[in-house]
Amino acid sequence: MQDIPAPHIIITYCRQCNWLLRSAWMAQEILSSFSEEVGAVTLVPGTGGTFTIKCDGTPVWNRKTDGGFPEAKILKQRLRDLLWPDKDLGHSDTTSSRK
């Protein structure tokens, strides 16, 4: 079996809540913004209202602790800050979001 290239982003969603489309949309947003940097995005069906996003095992978003679902802009900023702090996100970037 071939290794999955890094960084590997895993989106775990609740299949009982029908969050597949939301998860696929977020995966598309990630791949559109980081097409040359991201190695893989995997969608994993779960249960119990789960919606988490991890990058190489590091939590990026958790619906239960972060209070809902991320806006695409916030998700992209969190991934950028974690992996590529110098990357400009263009219209998804604001000076207040950069530390």
PDB file of N, CA and C in Angstrom:
ATOM      1  N   MET A   1       0.832  -1.180   0.000  1.00  0.00           N
ATOM      2  CA  MET A   1       0.000   0.000   0.000  1.00  0.00           C
ATOM      3  C   MET A   1       0.877   1.243   0.000  1.00  0.00           C
ATOM      4  N   GLN A   2       0.510   2.202  -0.812  1.00  0.00           N
ATOM      5  CA  GLN A   2       1.289   3.427  -0.931  1.00  0.00           C
ATOM      6  C   GLN A   2       0.980   4.369   0.231  1.00  0.00           C
ATOM      7  N   ASP A   3       2.024   5.040   0.746  1.00  0.00           N
ATOM      8  CA  ASP A   3       1.828   6.010   1.815  1.00  0.00           C
ATOM      9  C   ASP A   3       1.061   7.216   1.296  1.00  0.00           C
ATOM     10  N   ILE A   4       0.255   7.803   2.166  1.00  0.00           N
ATOM     11  CA  ILE A   4      -0.475   9.021   1.816  1.00  0.00           C
ATOM     12  C   ILE A   4       0.475  10.196   2.004  1.00  0.00           C
ATOM     13  N   PRO A   5       0.590  11.058   0.993  1.00  0.00           N
ATOM     14  CA  PRO A   5       1.514  12.186   1.112  1.00  0.00           C
ATOM     15  C   PRO A   5       1.032  13.204   2.148  1.00  0.00           C
ATOM     16  N   ALA A   6       1.983  13.847   2.786  1.00  0.00           N
ATOM     17  CA  ALA A   6       1.677  14.868   3.792  1.00  0.00           C
ATOM     18  C   ALA A   6       1.655  16.243   3.137  1.00  0.00           C
ATOM     19  N   PRO A   7       0.976  17.170   3.720  1.00  0.00           N
ATOM     20  CA  PRO A   7       0.101  16.996   4.863  1.00  0.00           C
ATOM     21  C   PRO A   7      -1.204  16.310   4.485  1.00  0.00           C
ATOM     22  N   HIS A   8      -1.675  15.510   5.410  1.00  0.00           N
ATOM     23  CA  HIS A   8      -2.903  14.728   5.211  1.00  0.00           C
ATOM     24  C   HIS A   8      -3.981  15.306   6.120  1.00  0.00           C
ATOM     25  N   ILE A   9      -5.029  15.803   5.522  1.00  0.00           N
ATOM     26  CA  ILE A   9      -6.133  16.401   6.263  1.00  0.00           C
ATOM     27  C   ILE A   9      -7.284  15.401   6.292  1.00  0.00           C
ATOM     28  N   ILE A  10      -7.806  15.165   7.488  1.00  0.00           N
ATOM     29  CA  ILE A  10      -8.915  14.228   7.659  1.00  0.00           C
ATOM     30  C   ILE A  10     -10.123  14.984   8.198  1.00  0.00           C
ATOM     31  N   ILE A  11     -11.217  14.893   7.472  1.00  0.00           N
ATOM     32  CA  ILE A  11     -12.481  15.488   7.903  1.00  0.00           C
ATOM     33  C   ILE A  11     -13.397  14.335   8.307  1.00  0.00           C
ATOM     34  N   THR A  12     -13.730  14.278   9.594  1.00  0.00           N
ATOM     35  CA  THR A  12     -14.642  13.260  10.099  1.00  0.00           C
ATOM     36  C   THR A  12     -15.995  13.925  10.327  1.00  0.00           C
ATOM     37  N   TYR A  13     -17.027  13.360   9.728  1.00  0.00           N
ATOM     38  CA  TYR A  13     -18.358  13.973   9.764  1.00  0.00           C
ATOM     39  C   TYR A  13     -19.395  12.949  10.215  1.00  0.00           C
ATOM     40  N   CYS A  14     -20.508  13.439  10.728  1.00  0.00           N
ATOM     41  CA  CYS A  14     -21.595  12.563  11.167  1.00  0.00           C
ATOM     42  C   CYS A  14     -22.460  12.186   9.967  1.00  0.00           C
ATOM     43  N   ARG A  15     -22.464  10.915   9.640  1.00  0.00           N
ATOM     44  CA  ARG A  15     -23.284  10.443   8.516  1.00  0.00           C
ATOM     45  C   ARG A  15     -24.763  10.457   8.887  1.00  0.00           C
ATOM     46  N   GLN A  16     -25.076  10.260  10.171  1.00  0.00           N
ATOM     47  CA  GLN A  16     -26.465  10.282  10.629  1.00  0.00           C
ATOM     48  C   GLN A  16     -27.079  11.680  10.504  1.00  0.00           C
ATOM     49  N   CYS A  17     -26.225  12.692  10.566  1.00  0.00           N
ATOM     50  CA  CYS A  17     -26.668  14.090  10.460  1.00  0.00           C
ATOM     51  C   CYS A  17     -26.657  14.580   9.011  1.00  0.00           C
ATOM     52  N   ASN A  18     -26.238  13.707   8.095  1.00  0.00           N
ATOM     53  CA  ASN A  18     -26.168  14.048   6.665  1.00  0.00           C
ATOM     54  C   ASN A  18     -25.208  15.200   6.375  1.00  0.00           C
ATOM     55  N   TRP A  19     -24.025  15.161   6.975  1.00  0.00           N
ATOM     56  CA  TRP A  19     -23.042  16.223   6.788  1.00  0.00           C
ATOM     57  C   TRP A  19     -22.007  15.886   5.719  1.00  0.00           C
ATOM     58  N   LEU A  20     -22.279  14.890   4.887  1.00  0.00           N
ATOM     59  CA  LEU A  20     -21.353  14.535   3.811  1.00  0.00           C
ATOM     60  C   LEU A  20     -21.128  15.705   2.856  1.00  0.00           C
ATOM     61  N   LEU A  21     -22.195  16.341   2.394  1.00  0.00           N
ATOM     62  CA  LEU A  21     -22.034  17.443   1.437  1.00  0.00           C
ATOM     63  C   LEU A  21     -21.258  18.608   2.034  1.00  0.00           C
ATOM     64  N   ARG A  22     -21.517  18.924   3.289  1.00  0.00           N
ATOM     65  CA  ARG A  22     -20.773  19.988   3.968  1.00  0.00           C
ATOM     66  C   ARG A  22     -19.288  19.624   4.028  1.00  0.00           C
ATOM     67  N   SER A  23     -18.996  18.367   4.339  1.00  0.00           N
ATOM     68  CA  SER A  23     -17.608  17.901   4.418  1.00  0.00           C
ATOM     69  C   SER A  23     -16.930  17.949   3.057  1.00  0.00           C
ATOM     70  N   ALA A  24     -17.641  17.521   2.025  1.00  0.00           N
ATOM     71  CA  ALA A  24     -17.083  17.541   0.672  1.00  0.00           C
ATOM     72  C   ALA A  24     -16.825  18.968   0.215  1.00  0.00           C
ATOM     73  N   TRP A  25     -17.718  19.880   0.563  1.00  0.00           N
ATOM     74  CA  TRP A  25     -17.521  21.287   0.204  1.00  0.00           C
ATOM     75  C   TRP A  25     -16.277  21.843   0.889  1.00  0.00           C
ATOM     76  N   MET A  26     -16.083  21.512   2.174  1.00  0.00           N
ATOM     77  CA  MET A  26     -14.899  22.000   2.885  1.00  0.00           C
ATOM     78  C   MET A  26     -13.634  21.392   2.295  1.00  0.00           C
ATOM     79  N   ALA A  27     -13.689  20.125   1.911  1.00  0.00           N
ATOM     80  CA  ALA A  27     -12.536  19.494   1.259  1.00  0.00           C
ATOM     81  C   ALA A  27     -12.205  20.212  -0.040  1.00  0.00           C
ATOM     82  N   GLN A  28     -13.230  20.565  -0.808  1.00  0.00           N
ATOM     83  CA  GLN A  28     -13.030  21.290  -2.066  1.00  0.00           C
ATOM     84  C   GLN A  28     -12.411  22.655  -1.805  1.00  0.00           C
ATOM     85  N   GLU A  29     -12.852  23.349  -0.772  1.00  0.00           N
ATOM     86  CA  GLU A  29     -12.290  24.659  -0.428  1.00  0.00           C
ATOM     87  C   GLU A  29     -10.806  24.529  -0.062  1.00  0.00           C
ATOM     88  N   ILE A  30     -10.480  23.508   0.716  1.00  0.00           N
ATOM     89  CA  ILE A  30      -9.085  23.280   1.111  1.00  0.00           C
ATOM     90  C   ILE A  30      -8.232  22.990  -0.118  1.00  0.00           C
ATOM     91  N   LEU A  31      -8.709  22.081  -0.966  1.00  0.00           N
ATOM     92  CA  LEU A  31      -7.933  21.708  -2.151  1.00  0.00           C
ATOM     93  C   LEU A  31      -7.826  22.848  -3.156  1.00  0.00           C
ATOM     94  N   SER A  32      -8.824  23.705  -3.223  1.00  0.00           N
ATOM     95  CA  SER A  32      -8.753  24.853  -4.135  1.00  0.00           C
ATOM     96  C   SER A  32      -7.717  25.865  -3.669  1.00  0.00           C
ATOM     97  N   SER A  33      -7.655  26.092  -2.369  1.00  0.00           N
ATOM     98  CA  SER A  33      -6.729  27.092  -1.832  1.00  0.00           C
ATOM     99  C   SER A  33      -5.306  26.572  -1.677  1.00  0.00           C
ATOM    100  N   PHE A  34      -5.165  25.282  -1.404  1.00  0.00           N
ATOM    101  CA  PHE A  34      -3.846  24.709  -1.133  1.00  0.00           C
ATOM    102  C   PHE A  34      -3.552  23.551  -2.088  1.00  0.00           C
ATOM    103  N   SER A  35      -3.858  23.718  -3.353  1.00  0.00           N
ATOM    104  CA  SER A  35      -3.746  22.629  -4.331  1.00  0.00           C
ATOM    105  C   SER A  35      -2.329  22.093  -4.479  1.00  0.00           C
ATOM    106  N   GLU A  36      -1.339  22.942  -4.309  1.00  0.00           N
ATOM    107  CA  GLU A  36       0.049  22.488  -4.458  1.00  0.00           C
ATOM    108  C   GLU A  36       0.670  22.059  -3.140  1.00  0.00           C
ATOM    109  N   GLU A  37       0.050  22.420  -2.020  1.00  0.00           N
ATOM    110  CA  GLU A  37       0.644  22.143  -0.717  1.00  0.00           C
ATOM    111  C   GLU A  37       0.075  20.906  -0.026  1.00  0.00           C
ATOM    112  N   VAL A  38      -1.210  20.642  -0.217  1.00  0.00           N
ATOM    113  CA  VAL A  38      -1.877  19.543   0.496  1.00  0.00           C
ATOM    114  C   VAL A  38      -1.612  18.216  -0.201  1.00  0.00           C
ATOM    115  N   GLY A  39      -1.252  17.208   0.586  1.00  0.00           N
ATOM    116  CA  GLY A  39      -1.011  15.886   0.024  1.00  0.00           C
ATOM    117  C   GLY A  39      -2.282  15.103  -0.203  1.00  0.00           C
ATOM    118  N   ALA A  40      -3.234  15.211   0.743  1.00  0.00           N
ATOM    119  CA  ALA A  40      -4.485  14.460   0.626  1.00  0.00           C
ATOM    120  C   ALA A  40      -5.516  15.016   1.587  1.00  0.00           C
ATOM    121  N   VAL A  41      -6.777  14.902   1.188  1.00  0.00           N
ATOM    122  CA  VAL A  41      -7.906  15.193   2.073  1.00  0.00           C
ATOM    123  C   VAL A  41      -8.782  13.947   2.067  1.00  0.00           C
ATOM    124  N   THR A  42      -9.072  13.441   3.257  1.00  0.00           N
ATOM    125  CA  THR A  42      -9.871  12.232   3.394  1.00  0.00           C
ATOM    126  C   THR A  42     -11.149  12.548   4.157  1.00  0.00           C
ATOM    127  N   LEU A  43     -12.267  12.051   3.654  1.00  0.00           N
ATOM    128  CA  LEU A  43     -13.546  12.172   4.350  1.00  0.00           C
ATOM    129  C   LEU A  43     -13.837  10.853   5.053  1.00  0.00           C
ATOM    130  N   VAL A  44     -14.127  10.934   6.351  1.00  0.00           N
ATOM    131  CA  VAL A  44     -14.367   9.738   7.155  1.00  0.00           C
ATOM    132  C   VAL A  44     -15.748   9.834   7.798  1.00  0.00           C
ATOM    133  N   PRO A  45     -16.670   8.919   7.457  1.00  0.00           N
ATOM    134  CA  PRO A  45     -17.986   8.959   8.085  1.00  0.00           C
ATOM    135  C   PRO A  45     -17.918   8.540   9.549  1.00  0.00           C
ATOM    136  N   GLY A  46     -18.647   9.276  10.378  1.00  0.00           N
ATOM    137  CA  GLY A  46     -18.722   8.969  11.799  1.00  0.00           C
ATOM    138  C   GLY A  46     -20.167   9.046  12.252  1.00  0.00           C
ATOM    139  N   THR A  47     -20.356   9.093  13.567  1.00  0.00           N
ATOM    140  CA  THR A  47     -21.700   9.173  14.147  1.00  0.00           C
ATOM    141  C   THR A  47     -21.670  10.133  15.329  1.00  0.00           C
ATOM    142  N   GLY A  48     -22.829  10.319  15.936  1.00  0.00           N
ATOM    143  CA  GLY A  48     -22.895  11.073  17.187  1.00  0.00           C
ATOM    144  C   GLY A  48     -22.681  12.567  17.059  1.00  0.00           C
ATOM    145  N   GLY A  49     -22.966  13.139  15.906  1.00  0.00           N
ATOM    146  CA  GLY A  49     -22.822  14.580  15.739  1.00  0.00           C
ATOM    147  C   GLY A  49     -21.394  15.059  15.611  1.00  0.00           C
ATOM    148  N   THR A  50     -20.494  14.147  15.276  1.00  0.00           N
ATOM    149  CA  THR A  50     -19.087  14.534  15.159  1.00  0.00           C
ATOM    150  C   THR A  50     -18.824  15.314  13.880  1.00  0.00           C
ATOM    151  N   PHE A  51     -17.995  16.324  13.993  1.00  0.00           N
ATOM    152  CA  PHE A  51     -17.461  17.028  12.828  1.00  0.00           C
ATOM    153  C   PHE A  51     -16.119  17.592  13.248  1.00  0.00           C
ATOM    154  N   THR A  52     -15.050  16.914  12.829  1.00  0.00           N
ATOM    155  CA  THR A  52     -13.706  17.347  13.188  1.00  0.00           C
ATOM    156  C   THR A  52     -12.837  17.416  11.947  1.00  0.00           C
ATOM    157  N   ILE A  53     -11.853  18.290  12.015  1.00  0.00           N
ATOM    158  CA  ILE A  53     -10.862  18.398  10.953  1.00  0.00           C
ATOM    159  C   ILE A  53      -9.498  18.327  11.622  1.00  0.00           C
ATOM    160  N   LYS A  54      -8.680  17.390  11.161  1.00  0.00           N
ATOM    161  CA  LYS A  54      -7.326  17.230  11.686  1.00  0.00           C
ATOM    162  C   LYS A  54      -6.341  17.268  10.536  1.00  0.00           C
ATOM    163  N   CYS A  55      -5.171  17.775  10.818  1.00  0.00           N
ATOM    164  CA  CYS A  55      -4.095  17.810   9.835  1.00  0.00           C
ATOM    165  C   CYS A  55      -2.903  17.068  10.419  1.00  0.00           C
ATOM    166  N   ASP A  56      -2.567  15.943   9.825  1.00  0.00           N
ATOM    167  CA  ASP A  56      -1.486  15.094  10.328  1.00  0.00           C
ATOM    168  C   ASP A  56      -1.641  14.825  11.825  1.00  0.00           C
ATOM    169  N   GLY A  57      -2.889  14.628  12.261  1.00  0.00           N
ATOM    170  CA  GLY A  57      -3.179  14.312  13.654  1.00  0.00           C
ATOM    171  C   GLY A  57      -3.408  15.512  14.554  1.00  0.00           C
ATOM    172  N   THR A  58      -3.071  16.711  14.095  1.00  0.00           N
ATOM    173  CA  THR A  58      -3.258  17.924  14.890  1.00  0.00           C
ATOM    174  C   THR A  58      -4.667  18.470  14.680  1.00  0.00           C
ATOM    175  N   PRO A  59      -5.425  18.677  15.755  1.00  0.00           N
ATOM    176  CA  PRO A  59      -6.776  19.220  15.596  1.00  0.00           C
ATOM    177  C   PRO A  59      -6.754  20.619  14.979  1.00  0.00           C
ATOM    178  N   VAL A  60      -7.614  20.824  13.994  1.00  0.00           N
ATOM    179  CA  VAL A  60      -7.770  22.124  13.352  1.00  0.00           C
ATOM    180  C   VAL A  60      -9.150  22.690  13.687  1.00  0.00           C
ATOM    181  N   TRP A  61     -10.154  21.822  13.729  1.00  0.00           N
ATOM    182  CA  TRP A  61     -11.513  22.251  14.054  1.00  0.00           C
ATOM    183  C   TRP A  61     -12.282  21.102  14.691  1.00  0.00           C
ATOM    184  N   ASN A  62     -13.094  21.438  15.701  1.00  0.00           N
ATOM    185  CA  ASN A  62     -13.982  20.474  16.337  1.00  0.00           C
ATOM    186  C   ASN A  62     -15.318  21.175  16.556  1.00  0.00           C
ATOM    187  N   ARG A  63     -16.349  20.700  15.914  1.00  0.00           N
ATOM    188  CA  ARG A  63     -17.660  21.348  15.991  1.00  0.00           C
ATOM    189  C   ARG A  63     -18.138  21.523  17.430  1.00  0.00           C
ATOM    190  N   LYS A  64     -17.873  20.543  18.270  1.00  0.00           N
ATOM    191  CA  LYS A  64     -18.383  20.594  19.639  1.00  0.00           C
ATOM    192  C   LYS A  64     -17.627  21.595  20.508  1.00  0.00           C
ATOM    193  N   THR A  65     -16.331  21.734  20.318  1.00  0.00           N
ATOM    194  CA  THR A  65     -15.560  22.660  21.155  1.00  0.00           C
ATOM    195  C   THR A  65     -15.383  24.034  20.517  1.00  0.00           C
ATOM    196  N   ASP A  66     -15.439  24.103  19.185  1.00  0.00           N
ATOM    197  CA  ASP A  66     -15.280  25.389  18.507  1.00  0.00           C
ATOM    198  C   ASP A  66     -16.615  26.077  18.238  1.00  0.00           C
ATOM    199  N   GLY A  67     -17.704  25.423  18.567  1.00  0.00           N
ATOM    200  CA  GLY A  67     -19.008  26.057  18.441  1.00  0.00           C
ATOM    201  C   GLY A  67     -19.568  26.094  17.037  1.00  0.00           C
ATOM    202  N   GLY A  68     -19.824  24.949  16.463  1.00  0.00           N
ATOM    203  CA  GLY A  68     -20.437  24.891  15.137  1.00  0.00           C
ATOM    204  C   GLY A  68     -19.444  24.536  14.048  1.00  0.00           C
ATOM    205  N   PHE A  69     -19.791  24.963  12.853  1.00  0.00           N
ATOM    206  CA  PHE A  69     -18.965  24.662  11.686  1.00  0.00           C
ATOM    207  C   PHE A  69     -18.118  25.876  11.326  1.00  0.00           C
ATOM    208  N   PRO A  70     -16.922  25.637  10.790  1.00  0.00           N
ATOM    209  CA  PRO A  70     -16.077  26.787  10.428  1.00  0.00           C
ATOM    210  C   PRO A  70     -16.536  27.431   9.126  1.00  0.00           C
ATOM    211  N   GLU A  71     -16.371  28.733   9.050  1.00  0.00           N
ATOM    212  CA  GLU A  71     -16.490  29.399   7.761  1.00  0.00           C
ATOM    213  C   GLU A  71     -15.257  28.992   6.966  1.00  0.00           C
ATOM    214  N   ALA A  72     -15.364  28.949   5.657  1.00  0.00           N
ATOM    215  CA  ALA A  72     -14.231  28.551   4.817  1.00  0.00           C
ATOM    216  C   ALA A  72     -13.018  29.431   5.095  1.00  0.00           C
ATOM    217  N   LYS A  73     -13.246  30.720   5.252  1.00  0.00           N
ATOM    218  CA  LYS A  73     -12.161  31.670   5.503  1.00  0.00           C
ATOM    219  C   LYS A  73     -11.394  31.307   6.775  1.00  0.00           C
ATOM    220  N   ILE A  74     -12.123  31.012   7.852  1.00  0.00           N
ATOM    221  CA  ILE A  74     -11.497  30.671   9.132  1.00  0.00           C
ATOM    222  C   ILE A  74     -10.735  29.357   9.022  1.00  0.00           C
ATOM    223  N   LEU A  75     -11.328  28.370   8.370  1.00  0.00           N
ATOM    224  CA  LEU A  75     -10.661  27.082   8.186  1.00  0.00           C
ATOM    225  C   LEU A  75      -9.356  27.250   7.422  1.00  0.00           C
ATOM    226  N   LYS A  76      -9.381  28.004   6.344  1.00  0.00           N
ATOM    227  CA  LYS A  76      -8.173  28.240   5.546  1.00  0.00           C
ATOM    228  C   LYS A  76      -7.116  28.970   6.364  1.00  0.00           C
ATOM    229  N   GLN A  77      -7.537  29.934   7.172  1.00  0.00           N
ATOM    230  CA  GLN A  77      -6.580  30.664   8.002  1.00  0.00           C
ATOM    231  C   GLN A  77      -5.941  29.752   9.039  1.00  0.00           C
ATOM    232  N   ARG A  78      -6.731  28.887   9.651  1.00  0.00           N
ATOM    233  CA  ARG A  78      -6.172  27.966  10.651  1.00  0.00           C
ATOM    234  C   ARG A  78      -5.174  26.997  10.018  1.00  0.00           C
ATOM    235  N   LEU A  79      -5.518  26.462   8.857  1.00  0.00           N
ATOM    236  CA  LEU A  79      -4.585  25.560   8.172  1.00  0.00           C
ATOM    237  C   LEU A  79      -3.321  26.296   7.771  1.00  0.00           C
ATOM    238  N   ARG A  80      -3.484  27.479   7.222  1.00  0.00           N
ATOM    239  CA  ARG A  80      -2.327  28.279   6.826  1.00  0.00           C
ATOM    240  C   ARG A  80      -1.432  28.575   8.023  1.00  0.00           C
ATOM    241  N   ASP A  81      -2.035  29.018   9.132  1.00  0.00           N
ATOM    242  CA  ASP A  81      -1.254  29.354  10.319  1.00  0.00           C
ATOM    243  C   ASP A  81      -0.501  28.142  10.857  1.00  0.00           C
ATOM    244  N   LEU A  82      -1.094  26.965  10.732  1.00  0.00           N
ATOM    245  CA  LEU A  82      -0.465  25.735  11.207  1.00  0.00           C
ATOM    246  C   LEU A  82       0.675  25.280  10.303  1.00  0.00           C
ATOM    247  N   LEU A  83       0.471  25.347   8.995  1.00  0.00           N
ATOM    248  CA  LEU A  83       1.405  24.733   8.049  1.00  0.00           C
ATOM    249  C   LEU A  83       2.275  25.702   7.255  1.00  0.00           C
ATOM    250  N   TRP A  84       1.710  26.809   6.837  1.00  0.00           N
ATOM    251  CA  TRP A  84       2.423  27.739   5.954  1.00  0.00           C
ATOM    252  C   TRP A  84       2.188  29.170   6.418  1.00  0.00           C
ATOM    253  N   PRO A  85       2.736  29.572   7.574  1.00  0.00           N
ATOM    254  CA  PRO A  85       2.409  30.874   8.158  1.00  0.00           C
ATOM    255  C   PRO A  85       2.711  32.079   7.261  1.00  0.00           C
ATOM    256  N   ASP A  86       3.587  31.930   6.297  1.00  0.00           N
ATOM    257  CA  ASP A  86       3.925  33.058   5.424  1.00  0.00           C
ATOM    258  C   ASP A  86       3.072  33.111   4.163  1.00  0.00           C
ATOM    259  N   LYS A  87       2.197  32.143   3.968  1.00  0.00           N
ATOM    260  CA  LYS A  87       1.382  32.099   2.743  1.00  0.00           C
ATOM    261  C   LYS A  87       0.289  33.164   2.787  1.00  0.00           C
ATOM    262  N   ASP A  88       0.145  33.890   1.690  1.00  0.00           N
ATOM    263  CA  ASP A  88      -0.918  34.879   1.544  1.00  0.00           C
ATOM    264  C   ASP A  88      -2.157  34.178   0.993  1.00  0.00           C
ATOM    265  N   LEU A  89      -3.285  34.387   1.646  1.00  0.00           N
ATOM    266  CA  LEU A  89      -4.530  33.762   1.207  1.00  0.00           C
ATOM    267  C   LEU A  89      -5.381  34.687   0.339  1.00  0.00           C
ATOM    268  N   GLY A  90      -4.838  35.805  -0.049  1.00  0.00           N
ATOM    269  CA  GLY A  90      -5.574  36.723  -0.912  1.00  0.00           C
ATOM    270  C   GLY A  90      -6.812  37.260  -0.226  1.00  0.00           C
ATOM    271  N   HIS A  91      -7.972  37.123  -0.870  1.00  0.00           N
ATOM    272  CA  HIS A  91      -9.210  37.683  -0.327  1.00  0.00           C
ATOM    273  C   HIS A  91      -9.656  37.018   0.973  1.00  0.00           C
ATOM    274  N   SER A  92      -9.134  35.839   1.276  1.00  0.00           N
ATOM    275  CA  SER A  92      -9.487  35.165   2.532  1.00  0.00           C
ATOM    276  C   SER A  92      -8.618  35.623   3.689  1.00  0.00           C
ATOM    277  N   ASP A  93      -7.700  36.530   3.408  1.00  0.00           N
ATOM    278  CA  ASP A  93      -6.778  37.003   4.428  1.00  0.00           C
ATOM    279  C   ASP A  93      -7.142  38.411   4.866  1.00  0.00           C
ATOM    280  N   THR A  94      -7.026  38.644   6.156  1.00  0.00           N
ATOM    281  CA  THR A  94      -7.176  39.997   6.675  1.00  0.00           C
ATOM    282  C   THR A  94      -6.045  40.247   7.646  1.00  0.00           C
ATOM    283  N   THR A  95      -5.708  41.486   7.844  1.00  0.00           N
ATOM    284  CA  THR A  95      -4.612  41.792   8.757  1.00  0.00           C
ATOM    285  C   THR A  95      -4.947  41.376  10.182  1.00  0.00           C
ATOM    286  N   SER A  96      -6.223  41.408  10.552  1.00  0.00           N
ATOM    287  CA  SER A  96      -6.593  41.019  11.913  1.00  0.00           C
ATOM    288  C   SER A  96      -6.448  39.521  12.148  1.00  0.00           C
ATOM    289  N   SER A  97      -6.462  38.724  11.081  1.00  0.00           N
ATOM    290  CA  SER A  97      -6.344  37.272  11.245  1.00  0.00           C
ATOM    291  C   SER A  97      -4.900  36.803  11.327  1.00  0.00           C
ATOM    292  N   ARG A  98      -3.977  37.630  10.891  1.00  0.00           N
ATOM    293  CA  ARG A  98      -2.558  37.255  10.910  1.00  0.00           C
ATOM    294  C   ARG A  98      -1.942  37.685  12.224  1.00  0.00           C
ATOM    295  N   LYS A  99      -1.157  36.806  12.803  1.00  0.00           N
ATOM    296  CA  LYS A  99      -0.506  37.122  14.083  1.00  0.00           C
ATOM    297  C   LYS A  99       0.950  37.393  13.856  1.00  0.00           C
TER     298      LYS A  99
END
